[in-house]
């Protein structure tokens, strides 16, 4: 009788071997069956029939990133408020006070960003 721990190692090794063989076989078949093009224009970007002008990696305005981070911050606030609202009856007054404190801290950050002019788009 085979030891159960040895049996698991054999099964995992067999799964790894089959996965590796399958991956190599599929990549080999794709290499031979995939269409190829010798045209030098194949790798160029194409936007609606117009060839691109300039560099595609232009820097974005910092305000874009600040707005995105603030959106994620307040989106996470909503994610944290839902489980709190579901379990509010079990949390009691302490849970209510903690949520008010959480919202207060977020509002302080929101008003700070507002005073710094993060929401002013130029």
C-alpha atoms as a PDB file:
ATOM      1  CA  UNK A   1       0.000   0.000   0.000  1.00  0.00           C
ATOM      2  CA  UNK A   2       1.323   3.438  -0.950  1.00  0.00           C
ATOM      3  CA  UNK A   3       1.709   6.086   1.723  1.00  0.00           C
ATOM      4  CA  UNK A   4      -0.979   8.829   1.249  1.00  0.00           C
ATOM      5  CA  UNK A   5       1.629  11.615   1.233  1.00  0.00           C
ATOM      6  CA  UNK A   6       3.603   9.802  -1.487  1.00  0.00           C
ATOM      7  CA  UNK A   7       0.372   9.299  -3.435  1.00  0.00           C
ATOM      8  CA  UNK A   8      -0.316  13.060  -3.387  1.00  0.00           C
ATOM      9  CA  UNK A   9       3.235  13.800  -4.545  1.00  0.00           C
ATOM     10  CA  UNK A  10       2.839  11.348  -7.421  1.00  0.00           C
ATOM     11  CA  UNK A  11      -0.498  12.906  -8.422  1.00  0.00           C
ATOM     12  CA  UNK A  12       0.887  16.444  -8.297  1.00  0.00           C
ATOM     13  CA  UNK A  13       3.963  15.421 -10.266  1.00  0.00           C
ATOM     14  CA  UNK A  14       1.795  13.733 -12.877  1.00  0.00           C
ATOM     15  CA  UNK A  15      -0.420  16.827 -13.165  1.00  0.00           C
ATOM     16  CA  UNK A  16       2.652  19.057 -13.517  1.00  0.00           C
ATOM     17  CA  UNK A  17       4.141  16.798 -16.193  1.00  0.00           C
ATOM     18  CA  UNK A  18       0.893  16.637 -18.176  1.00  0.00           C
ATOM     19  CA  UNK A  19       0.462  20.414 -17.926  1.00  0.00           C
ATOM     20  CA  UNK A  20       4.017  21.058 -19.086  1.00  0.00           C
ATOM     21  CA  UNK A  21       3.728  18.621 -22.006  1.00  0.00           C
ATOM     22  CA  UNK A  22       0.379  20.113 -23.034  1.00  0.00           C
ATOM     23  CA  UNK A  23       1.705  23.695 -22.879  1.00  0.00           C
ATOM     24  CA  UNK A  24       4.785  22.858 -24.955  1.00  0.00           C
ATOM     25  CA  UNK A  25       2.698  20.895 -27.474  1.00  0.00           C
ATOM     26  CA  UNK A  26       0.158  23.709 -27.913  1.00  0.00           C
ATOM     27  CA  UNK A  27       2.878  26.347 -28.341  1.00  0.00           C
ATOM     28  CA  UNK A  28       4.640  24.162 -30.911  1.00  0.00           C
ATOM     29  CA  UNK A  29       1.449  23.582 -32.893  1.00  0.00           C
ATOM     30  CA  UNK A  30       0.607  27.300 -32.758  1.00  0.00           C
ATOM     31  CA  UNK A  31       4.094  28.174 -33.989  1.00  0.00           C
ATOM     32  CA  UNK A  32       3.668  26.065 -37.123  1.00  0.00           C
ATOM     33  CA  UNK A  33       0.007  26.844 -37.838  1.00  0.00           C
ATOM     34  CA  UNK A  34      -0.105  30.562 -37.035  1.00  0.00           C
ATOM     35  CA  UNK A  35      -0.285  32.945 -39.992  1.00  0.00           C
ATOM     36  CA  UNK A  36       2.842  34.993 -40.578  1.00  0.00           C
ATOM     37  CA  UNK A  37       3.367  38.245 -42.445  1.00  0.00           C
ATOM     38  CA  UNK A  38       6.594  39.610 -43.860  1.00  0.00           C
ATOM     39  CA  UNK A  39       5.111  43.087 -44.372  1.00  0.00           C
ATOM     40  CA  UNK A  40       7.109  45.771 -42.459  1.00  0.00           C
ATOM     41  CA  UNK A  41       3.887  47.691 -41.742  1.00  0.00           C
ATOM     42  CA  UNK A  42       2.501  44.782 -39.730  1.00  0.00           C
ATOM     43  CA  UNK A  43       3.928  46.033 -36.429  1.00  0.00           C
ATOM     44  CA  UNK A  44       2.864  49.680 -36.844  1.00  0.00           C
ATOM     45  CA  UNK A  45      -0.041  51.018 -34.785  1.00  0.00           C
ATOM     46  CA  UNK A  46      -3.121  51.879 -36.815  1.00  0.00           C
ATOM     47  CA  UNK A  47      -5.820  54.263 -35.594  1.00  0.00           C
ATOM     48  CA  UNK A  48      -8.920  54.627 -37.776  1.00  0.00           C
ATOM     49  CA  UNK A  49      -6.959  54.756 -41.002  1.00  0.00           C
ATOM     50  CA  UNK A  50      -4.626  57.533 -39.852  1.00  0.00           C
ATOM     51  CA  UNK A  51      -0.973  56.888 -39.151  1.00  0.00           C
ATOM     52  CA  UNK A  52       0.001  58.075 -35.663  1.00  0.00           C
ATOM     53  CA  UNK A  53       1.998  61.256 -35.236  1.00  0.00           C
ATOM     54  CA  UNK A  54       4.463  61.698 -32.406  1.00  0.00           C
ATOM     55  CA  UNK A  55       5.005  59.583 -29.338  1.00  0.00           C
ATOM     56  CA  UNK A  56       2.108  57.568 -27.921  1.00  0.00           C
ATOM     57  CA  UNK A  57       3.479  57.885 -24.383  1.00  0.00           C
ATOM     58  CA  UNK A  58       2.651  61.498 -23.638  1.00  0.00           C
ATOM     59  CA  UNK A  59       2.671  62.452 -19.958  1.00  0.00           C
ATOM     60  CA  UNK A  60      -0.720  62.908 -18.305  1.00  0.00           C
ATOM     61  CA  UNK A  61      -1.631  65.810 -16.112  1.00  0.00           C
ATOM     62  CA  UNK A  62      -1.036  65.101 -12.408  1.00  0.00           C
ATOM     63  CA  UNK A  63      -4.631  66.086 -11.663  1.00  0.00           C
ATOM     64  CA  UNK A  64      -5.790  63.007 -13.569  1.00  0.00           C
ATOM     65  CA  UNK A  65      -3.926  60.746 -11.149  1.00  0.00           C
ATOM     66  CA  UNK A  66      -5.129  62.666  -8.094  1.00  0.00           C
ATOM     67  CA  UNK A  67      -8.753  62.390  -9.206  1.00  0.00           C
ATOM     68  CA  UNK A  68      -8.278  58.669  -9.898  1.00  0.00           C
ATOM     69  CA  UNK A  69      -6.780  58.046  -6.449  1.00  0.00           C
ATOM     70  CA  UNK A  70      -9.569  59.999  -4.765  1.00  0.00           C
ATOM     71  CA  UNK A  71     -12.145  58.023  -6.747  1.00  0.00           C
ATOM     72  CA  UNK A  72     -10.602  54.753  -5.561  1.00  0.00           C
ATOM     73  CA  UNK A  73     -10.492  56.072  -1.985  1.00  0.00           C
ATOM     74  CA  UNK A  74     -14.171  56.993  -1.895  1.00  0.00           C
ATOM     75  CA  UNK A  75     -15.129  53.845  -3.791  1.00  0.00           C
ATOM     76  CA  UNK A  76     -13.447  51.817  -1.059  1.00  0.00           C
ATOM     77  CA  UNK A  77     -15.370  53.824   1.502  1.00  0.00           C
ATOM     78  CA  UNK A  78     -18.593  52.560  -0.050  1.00  0.00           C
ATOM     79  CA  UNK A  79     -17.227  49.003  -0.052  1.00  0.00           C
ATOM     80  CA  UNK A  80     -16.496  49.229   3.680  1.00  0.00           C
ATOM     81  CA  UNK A  81     -19.863  50.793   4.481  1.00  0.00           C
ATOM     82  CA  UNK A  82     -21.937  47.933   3.051  1.00  0.00           C
ATOM     83  CA  UNK A  83     -20.766  45.173   5.433  1.00  0.00           C
ATOM     84  CA  UNK A  84     -20.984  47.645   8.301  1.00  0.00           C
ATOM     85  CA  UNK A  85     -24.619  48.419   7.415  1.00  0.00           C
ATOM     86  CA  UNK A  86     -25.450  44.711   7.179  1.00  0.00           C
ATOM     87  CA  UNK A  87     -24.001  43.945  10.622  1.00  0.00           C
ATOM     88  CA  UNK A  88     -24.978  47.213  12.357  1.00  0.00           C
ATOM     89  CA  UNK A  89     -27.430  45.582  14.749  1.00  0.00           C
ATOM     90  CA  UNK A  90     -24.697  43.307  16.103  1.00  0.00           C
ATOM     91  CA  UNK A  91     -22.143  46.101  16.440  1.00  0.00           C
ATOM     92  CA  UNK A  92     -24.225  48.370  18.635  1.00  0.00           C
ATOM     93  CA  UNK A  93     -23.316  51.926  19.540  1.00  0.00           C
ATOM     94  CA  UNK A  94     -19.582  51.298  19.325  1.00  0.00           C
ATOM     95  CA  UNK A  95     -19.900  50.279  15.661  1.00  0.00           C
ATOM     96  CA  UNK A  96     -21.962  53.384  14.924  1.00  0.00           C
ATOM     97  CA  UNK A  97     -19.395  55.660  16.564  1.00  0.00           C
ATOM     98  CA  UNK A  98     -16.530  53.958  14.739  1.00  0.00           C
ATOM     99  CA  UNK A  99     -18.278  54.441  11.381  1.00  0.00           C
ATOM    100  CA  UNK A 100     -18.883  58.115  12.149  1.00  0.00           C
ATOM    101  CA  UNK A 101     -15.180  58.433  12.977  1.00  0.00           C
ATOM    102  CA  UNK A 102     -14.273  56.649   9.730  1.00  0.00           C
ATOM    103  CA  UNK A 103     -16.486  58.980   7.677  1.00  0.00           C
ATOM    104  CA  UNK A 104     -15.142  62.015   9.554  1.00  0.00           C
ATOM    105  CA  UNK A 105     -11.535  61.084   8.712  1.00  0.00           C
ATOM    106  CA  UNK A 106     -12.466  60.634   5.058  1.00  0.00           C
ATOM    107  CA  UNK A 107     -14.288  63.969   5.008  1.00  0.00           C
ATOM    108  CA  UNK A 108     -11.233  65.695   6.481  1.00  0.00           C
ATOM    109  CA  UNK A 109      -9.175  64.255   3.619  1.00  0.00           C
ATOM    110  CA  UNK A 110     -11.818  65.309   1.091  1.00  0.00           C
ATOM    111  CA  UNK A 111     -11.910  68.890   2.358  1.00  0.00           C
ATOM    112  CA  UNK A 112      -8.099  68.982   2.441  1.00  0.00           C
ATOM    113  CA  UNK A 113      -7.994  67.934  -1.215  1.00  0.00           C
ATOM    114  CA  UNK A 114     -10.655  70.510  -1.998  1.00  0.00           C
ATOM    115  CA  UNK A 115      -8.694  73.299  -0.280  1.00  0.00           C
ATOM    116  CA  UNK A 116      -5.509  72.273  -2.141  1.00  0.00           C
ATOM    117  CA  UNK A 117      -7.383  72.659  -5.449  1.00  0.00           C
ATOM    118  CA  UNK A 118      -7.232  69.042  -6.546  1.00  0.00           C
ATOM    119  CA  UNK A 119     -10.708  69.284  -8.075  1.00  0.00           C
ATOM    120  CA  UNK A 120      -9.850  72.406 -10.103  1.00  0.00           C
ATOM    121  CA  UNK A 121      -9.236  71.300 -13.681  1.00  0.00           C
ATOM    122  CA  UNK A 122      -7.143  73.679 -15.786  1.00  0.00           C
END
